[in-house]
Amino acid sequence: MRIIWSPLAIDKVSEIADYIAKDKSSAAEKWINTMFSKVEQLESSPEIGRIVPEINNNQFRELIYGNYRIIYRIDKKQISILTVRHGKQILPINEIMS
């Protein structure tokens, strides 16, 4: 199964990495590498993430990585990474349901 990143998810990862890099650029690089490694696991095990509680739909799942939620949707032939959010942020449903 292939993984597709939405423009929103890419933007969020970039914003988070820039924020982490303000303190330590090597920590930002490590965060990005580990995050991508976690997402790669979805290719062989797409249902390892829990169902997103705000949506309660089996297609919408999330991986938890540190303080962040990696929100994704499982389709027949692909996994779409929809957004990455801090766990304390409210998840705007319209961001991922469009």
N, C-alpha and C. Protein backbone atom coordinates (compact mmCIF):
# COMPACT_ATOMS: atom_id res chain seq x y z
N MET A 1 0.85 -1.17 0.00
CA MET A 1 0.00 0.00 0.00
C MET A 1 0.91 1.25 0.00
N ARG A 2 0.57 2.21 -0.83
CA ARG A 2 1.43 3.40 -0.89
C ARG A 2 0.91 4.49 0.04
N ILE A 3 1.82 5.37 0.42
CA ILE A 3 1.52 6.46 1.34
C ILE A 3 1.60 7.78 0.58
N ILE A 4 0.55 8.58 0.72
CA ILE A 4 0.47 9.89 0.08
C ILE A 4 0.36 10.94 1.19
N TRP A 5 1.16 12.00 1.08
CA TRP A 5 1.14 13.09 2.05
C TRP A 5 0.34 14.26 1.48
N SER A 6 -0.60 14.76 2.25
CA SER A 6 -1.36 15.94 1.82
C SER A 6 -0.47 17.17 1.97
N PRO A 7 -0.74 18.22 1.20
CA PRO A 7 0.02 19.47 1.37
C PRO A 7 -0.08 20.01 2.81
N LEU A 8 -1.26 19.87 3.43
CA LEU A 8 -1.43 20.32 4.81
C LEU A 8 -0.49 19.57 5.75
N ALA A 9 -0.41 18.25 5.61
CA ALA A 9 0.46 17.46 6.47
C ALA A 9 1.92 17.85 6.30
N ILE A 10 2.33 18.07 5.07
CA ILE A 10 3.72 18.49 4.81
C ILE A 10 3.99 19.85 5.46
N ASP A 11 3.04 20.77 5.33
CA ASP A 11 3.19 22.09 5.95
C ASP A 11 3.30 21.98 7.47
N LYS A 12 2.47 21.15 8.07
CA LYS A 12 2.48 20.99 9.54
C LYS A 12 3.81 20.40 10.01
N VAL A 13 4.31 19.40 9.30
CA VAL A 13 5.60 18.79 9.67
C VAL A 13 6.71 19.84 9.58
N SER A 14 6.67 20.64 8.55
CA SER A 14 7.67 21.69 8.38
C SER A 14 7.60 22.72 9.51
N GLU A 15 6.38 23.13 9.86
CA GLU A 15 6.20 24.09 10.96
C GLU A 15 6.73 23.53 12.28
N ILE A 16 6.40 22.28 12.55
CA ILE A 16 6.85 21.65 13.80
C ILE A 16 8.37 21.54 13.83
N ALA A 17 8.95 21.11 12.73
CA ALA A 17 10.41 20.96 12.65
C ALA A 17 11.09 22.32 12.83
N ASP A 18 10.55 23.36 12.21
CA ASP A 18 11.12 24.71 12.38
C ASP A 18 11.07 25.15 13.83
N TYR A 19 9.97 24.85 14.50
CA TYR A 19 9.83 25.20 15.92
C TYR A 19 10.85 24.46 16.77
N ILE A 20 10.99 23.16 16.54
CA ILE A 20 11.97 22.36 17.30
C ILE A 20 13.39 22.85 17.01
N ALA A 21 13.67 23.20 15.76
CA ALA A 21 15.02 23.63 15.35
C ALA A 21 15.44 24.94 16.01
N LYS A 22 14.49 25.73 16.50
CA LYS A 22 14.85 26.97 17.20
C LYS A 22 15.71 26.68 18.42
N ASP A 23 15.46 25.54 19.07
CA ASP A 23 16.26 25.14 20.22
C ASP A 23 17.46 24.30 19.81
N LYS A 24 17.22 23.36 18.88
CA LYS A 24 18.30 22.45 18.51
C LYS A 24 18.00 21.82 17.16
N SER A 25 18.79 22.17 16.16
CA SER A 25 18.52 21.68 14.80
C SER A 25 18.66 20.16 14.70
N SER A 26 19.59 19.59 15.44
CA SER A 26 19.75 18.13 15.37
C SER A 26 18.52 17.42 15.94
N ALA A 27 17.87 18.03 16.93
CA ALA A 27 16.65 17.43 17.49
C ALA A 27 15.52 17.46 16.47
N ALA A 28 15.45 18.54 15.70
CA ALA A 28 14.43 18.65 14.65
C ALA A 28 14.65 17.58 13.59
N GLU A 29 15.89 17.39 13.20
CA GLU A 29 16.21 16.36 12.20
C GLU A 29 15.86 14.98 12.71
N LYS A 30 16.18 14.70 13.96
CA LYS A 30 15.86 13.40 14.56
C LYS A 30 14.35 13.21 14.63
N TRP A 31 13.61 14.27 14.99
CA TRP A 31 12.15 14.19 15.08
C TRP A 31 11.56 13.84 13.71
N ILE A 32 12.02 14.51 12.67
CA ILE A 32 11.52 14.25 11.32
C ILE A 32 11.83 12.81 10.89
N ASN A 33 13.06 12.37 11.09
CA ASN A 33 13.44 11.01 10.67
C ASN A 33 12.62 9.95 11.39
N THR A 34 12.43 10.12 12.69
CA THR A 34 11.66 9.15 13.45
C THR A 34 10.19 9.17 13.04
N MET A 35 9.66 10.37 12.80
CA MET A 35 8.27 10.50 12.39
C MET A 35 8.04 9.79 11.05
N PHE A 36 8.92 10.00 10.09
CA PHE A 36 8.79 9.32 8.80
C PHE A 36 8.93 7.81 8.95
N SER A 37 9.80 7.35 9.84
CA SER A 37 9.93 5.90 10.08
C SER A 37 8.64 5.32 10.61
N LYS A 38 7.99 6.03 11.54
CA LYS A 38 6.72 5.56 12.08
C LYS A 38 5.67 5.47 10.97
N VAL A 39 5.61 6.48 10.13
CA VAL A 39 4.62 6.49 9.04
C VAL A 39 4.89 5.36 8.06
N GLU A 40 6.15 5.05 7.78
CA GLU A 40 6.49 3.97 6.86
C GLU A 40 5.93 2.62 7.32
N GLN A 41 5.76 2.45 8.62
CA GLN A 41 5.20 1.20 9.16
C GLN A 41 3.78 0.96 8.65
N LEU A 42 3.11 2.04 8.26
CA LEU A 42 1.73 1.91 7.79
C LEU A 42 1.63 1.14 6.48
N GLU A 43 2.70 1.13 5.69
CA GLU A 43 2.67 0.39 4.42
C GLU A 43 2.31 -1.07 4.63
N SER A 44 2.86 -1.67 5.67
CA SER A 44 2.60 -3.09 5.91
C SER A 44 1.53 -3.32 6.98
N SER A 45 1.27 -2.33 7.82
CA SER A 45 0.28 -2.48 8.89
C SER A 45 -0.57 -1.21 9.01
N PRO A 46 -1.45 -0.96 8.06
CA PRO A 46 -2.18 0.31 8.06
C PRO A 46 -3.11 0.52 9.25
N GLU A 47 -3.49 -0.53 9.93
CA GLU A 47 -4.43 -0.38 11.03
C GLU A 47 -3.75 -0.33 12.41
N ILE A 48 -2.44 -0.08 12.44
CA ILE A 48 -1.75 -0.03 13.74
C ILE A 48 -2.16 1.20 14.55
N GLY A 49 -2.60 2.25 13.88
CA GLY A 49 -3.04 3.44 14.60
C GLY A 49 -4.43 3.26 15.16
N ARG A 50 -4.73 4.04 16.19
CA ARG A 50 -6.07 3.97 16.77
C ARG A 50 -7.05 4.80 15.94
N ILE A 51 -8.32 4.50 16.08
CA ILE A 51 -9.36 5.28 15.41
C ILE A 51 -9.38 6.68 16.03
N VAL A 52 -9.48 7.69 15.18
CA VAL A 52 -9.51 9.08 15.66
C VAL A 52 -10.80 9.26 16.47
N PRO A 53 -10.69 9.57 17.77
CA PRO A 53 -11.88 9.64 18.62
C PRO A 53 -12.91 10.70 18.17
N GLU A 54 -12.44 11.80 17.63
CA GLU A 54 -13.36 12.87 17.21
C GLU A 54 -14.24 12.46 16.03
N ILE A 55 -13.79 11.47 15.27
CA ILE A 55 -14.50 11.07 14.05
C ILE A 55 -15.20 9.73 14.24
N ASN A 56 -14.56 8.81 14.95
CA ASN A 56 -15.10 7.47 15.20
C ASN A 56 -15.50 6.75 13.92
N ASN A 57 -14.57 6.77 12.97
CA ASN A 57 -14.76 6.09 11.69
C ASN A 57 -13.51 5.26 11.45
N ASN A 58 -13.67 3.98 11.16
CA ASN A 58 -12.56 3.05 11.02
C ASN A 58 -11.54 3.47 9.96
N GLN A 59 -11.93 4.28 8.99
CA GLN A 59 -11.01 4.74 7.94
C GLN A 59 -10.04 5.79 8.44
N PHE A 60 -10.43 6.56 9.44
CA PHE A 60 -9.60 7.65 9.95
C PHE A 60 -8.91 7.21 11.23
N ARG A 61 -7.58 7.18 11.15
CA ARG A 61 -6.78 6.68 12.27
C ARG A 61 -5.65 7.66 12.59
N GLU A 62 -4.99 7.39 13.70
CA GLU A 62 -3.88 8.25 14.09
C GLU A 62 -2.78 7.44 14.74
N LEU A 63 -1.57 7.85 14.45
CA LEU A 63 -0.39 7.35 15.16
C LEU A 63 -0.01 8.43 16.15
N ILE A 64 0.37 8.02 17.33
CA ILE A 64 0.84 8.97 18.33
C ILE A 64 2.36 8.90 18.33
N TYR A 65 2.98 10.05 18.18
CA TYR A 65 4.45 10.13 18.21
C TYR A 65 4.81 11.28 19.15
N GLY A 66 5.27 10.92 20.33
CA GLY A 66 5.57 11.94 21.34
C GLY A 66 4.30 12.71 21.68
N ASN A 67 4.35 14.02 21.52
CA ASN A 67 3.19 14.87 21.79
C ASN A 67 2.33 15.11 20.56
N TYR A 68 2.60 14.41 19.48
CA TYR A 68 1.94 14.69 18.20
C TYR A 68 1.07 13.55 17.72
N ARG A 69 0.03 13.94 16.98
CA ARG A 69 -0.90 13.00 16.37
C ARG A 69 -0.70 13.06 14.85
N ILE A 70 -0.45 11.92 14.26
CA ILE A 70 -0.33 11.82 12.81
C ILE A 70 -1.65 11.22 12.33
N ILE A 71 -2.47 12.07 11.72
CA ILE A 71 -3.82 11.67 11.32
C ILE A 71 -3.77 11.17 9.88
N TYR A 72 -4.35 9.99 9.64
CA TYR A 72 -4.35 9.43 8.30
C TYR A 72 -5.66 8.73 7.97
N ARG A 73 -5.88 8.53 6.68
CA ARG A 73 -7.07 7.84 6.19
C ARG A 73 -6.63 6.63 5.38
N ILE A 74 -7.28 5.52 5.62
CA ILE A 74 -7.01 4.29 4.88
C ILE A 74 -8.02 4.16 3.75
N ASP A 75 -7.53 4.07 2.53
CA ASP A 75 -8.37 3.81 1.36
C ASP A 75 -7.97 2.43 0.83
N LYS A 76 -8.62 1.99 -0.23
CA LYS A 76 -8.35 0.64 -0.76
C LYS A 76 -6.92 0.46 -1.22
N LYS A 77 -6.34 1.47 -1.88
CA LYS A 77 -5.01 1.31 -2.46
C LYS A 77 -3.96 2.25 -1.88
N GLN A 78 -4.37 3.11 -0.96
CA GLN A 78 -3.38 4.05 -0.42
C GLN A 78 -3.74 4.49 0.99
N ILE A 79 -2.73 5.03 1.63
CA ILE A 79 -2.89 5.66 2.94
C ILE A 79 -2.58 7.13 2.73
N SER A 80 -3.50 7.98 3.15
CA SER A 80 -3.32 9.42 3.00
C SER A 80 -3.01 10.03 4.36
N ILE A 81 -1.83 10.63 4.48
CA ILE A 81 -1.47 11.35 5.70
C ILE A 81 -2.14 12.71 5.58
N LEU A 82 -3.08 13.00 6.47
CA LEU A 82 -3.92 14.18 6.34
C LEU A 82 -3.36 15.39 7.07
N THR A 83 -2.89 15.18 8.29
CA THR A 83 -2.33 16.29 9.07
C THR A 83 -1.50 15.73 10.22
N VAL A 84 -0.71 16.59 10.81
CA VAL A 84 0.06 16.27 12.02
C VAL A 84 -0.22 17.41 12.99
N ARG A 85 -0.68 17.08 14.17
CA ARG A 85 -1.09 18.10 15.15
C ARG A 85 -0.51 17.78 16.52
N HIS A 86 -0.28 18.82 17.30
CA HIS A 86 0.08 18.61 18.70
C HIS A 86 -1.13 18.02 19.40
N GLY A 87 -0.90 17.11 20.30
CA GLY A 87 -1.99 16.42 20.98
C GLY A 87 -2.91 17.32 21.77
N LYS A 88 -2.43 18.50 22.19
CA LYS A 88 -3.27 19.41 22.97
C LYS A 88 -4.07 20.37 22.09
N GLN A 89 -3.82 20.35 20.79
CA GLN A 89 -4.58 21.21 19.88
C GLN A 89 -5.91 20.55 19.54
N ILE A 90 -6.91 21.37 19.36
CA ILE A 90 -8.20 20.87 18.89
C ILE A 90 -8.03 20.47 17.43
N LEU A 91 -8.58 19.33 17.08
CA LEU A 91 -8.48 18.84 15.70
C LEU A 91 -9.66 19.39 14.91
N PRO A 92 -9.40 20.34 13.98
CA PRO A 92 -10.49 20.85 13.15
C PRO A 92 -10.92 19.78 12.15
N ILE A 93 -12.10 19.22 12.36
CA ILE A 93 -12.57 18.12 11.53
C ILE A 93 -12.64 18.52 10.05
N ASN A 94 -12.98 19.77 9.77
CA ASN A 94 -13.06 20.22 8.38
C ASN A 94 -11.71 20.15 7.67
N GLU A 95 -10.62 20.16 8.42
CA GLU A 95 -9.28 20.06 7.83
C GLU A 95 -9.07 18.69 7.19
N ILE A 96 -9.65 17.67 7.76
CA ILE A 96 -9.37 16.32 7.27
C ILE A 96 -10.54 15.66 6.56
N MET A 97 -11.72 16.22 6.67
CA MET A 97 -12.89 15.59 6.07
C MET A 97 -13.21 16.19 4.68
N SER A 98 -12.41 17.11 4.19
CA SER A 98 -12.72 17.73 2.90
C SER A 98 -12.22 16.91 1.74
